[in-house]
């Protein structure tokens, strides 16, 4: 006969088993003092209306600020169509092709003027494209062993690429110069090519390999297939702006989330005729065309723009604030209407 009492835990076993009951403390017993707001119609409506007024005010200020930005945008895709056809043939990579685009400023552009290049229909947000880079290589730790860079990691003979990856290989490499036509003379607008990238990128995320000579540091490597010169020759005039520390390269390596984007290219140096900005008159962009866009049905732009306290000419943030403020205000009116309707019904039934 089965002993029914054998499954009953003994007194010693019950004491040895750990208890799951929380400690008798204010925190574990959820007895801490807390502020519990008492919501009523006045507090709810005031919060909605105050939020709406705040968002509408900020949104209007941001939109007005964005609209005050002076901007000139030139699409040179069609104006450089002959160069584009030349660049579509990869065998012509070593042939130079120059084109120009002219425009007129009717009014002076006061203050700091920034030059951007813009690309349309160029998708940098593809997962394999974004992963195709080696952060260790860009930090100068090992230039000969790229990782995560396929299919642009090394050549068939085993020579590693420096820098490796699809992002670096597709770097924008058009050269753009700006000229000011003053009476019968042509003056080149001085442009600054340094001081354009983020401090953290220049000093933390990108470093050149340590060597007494930068060319010897990259010995045994080769430039990416689409590049015209090696990475240590990106800026032969300024040794602080060459190699992985080249600011054009650093800015390009910060990929965009959208297919249409712009990157900072140069800043106008405020000296001589351009001490106050860009004076009104006739200007010409001289472009050394190297970056083909026809195969992916892209477009290329060069943009001259000023900035304000809220940034550039993008009104998206202001529109977002206006939409949020409008939604909060309308919600407040809807709640007010519902409250008045229910209060009338309650008064009617009490009578």
Foldseek 3Di string as FASTA:
>chain_A
DDDPCPPPDDPVVVVPDDDPDDDPDCVVVVNDDDDDDDDDLVVLLVVLQVLLVVLLVVLVVLQVQLVPKDKDKDWCCVQQVVVLVQQVDVVNQPPWDKGKDKDFFPFFDFDKKFKKKKKALADCPDPLQLQQFALCVQAQNDVAQGPSNPPFAADPVNQGAVGGHPLLLQQDDKDKWKWFCDPPDIHTFDWAQPPFDDPCLLPPRGDHHDDPDSVVSCPSHDHTSLDPDHQQVPPPPDNSQTHSNPVSSSQSSPTDNDRIDMTTGIIGDLDDPQVGHGGTHMMMMMMTDRRHDVVSPMIMMMMMMDADPSGHNDSVSSVVSNVSSVVSNVVSVVSVVVVVVVVVVVVVVVD
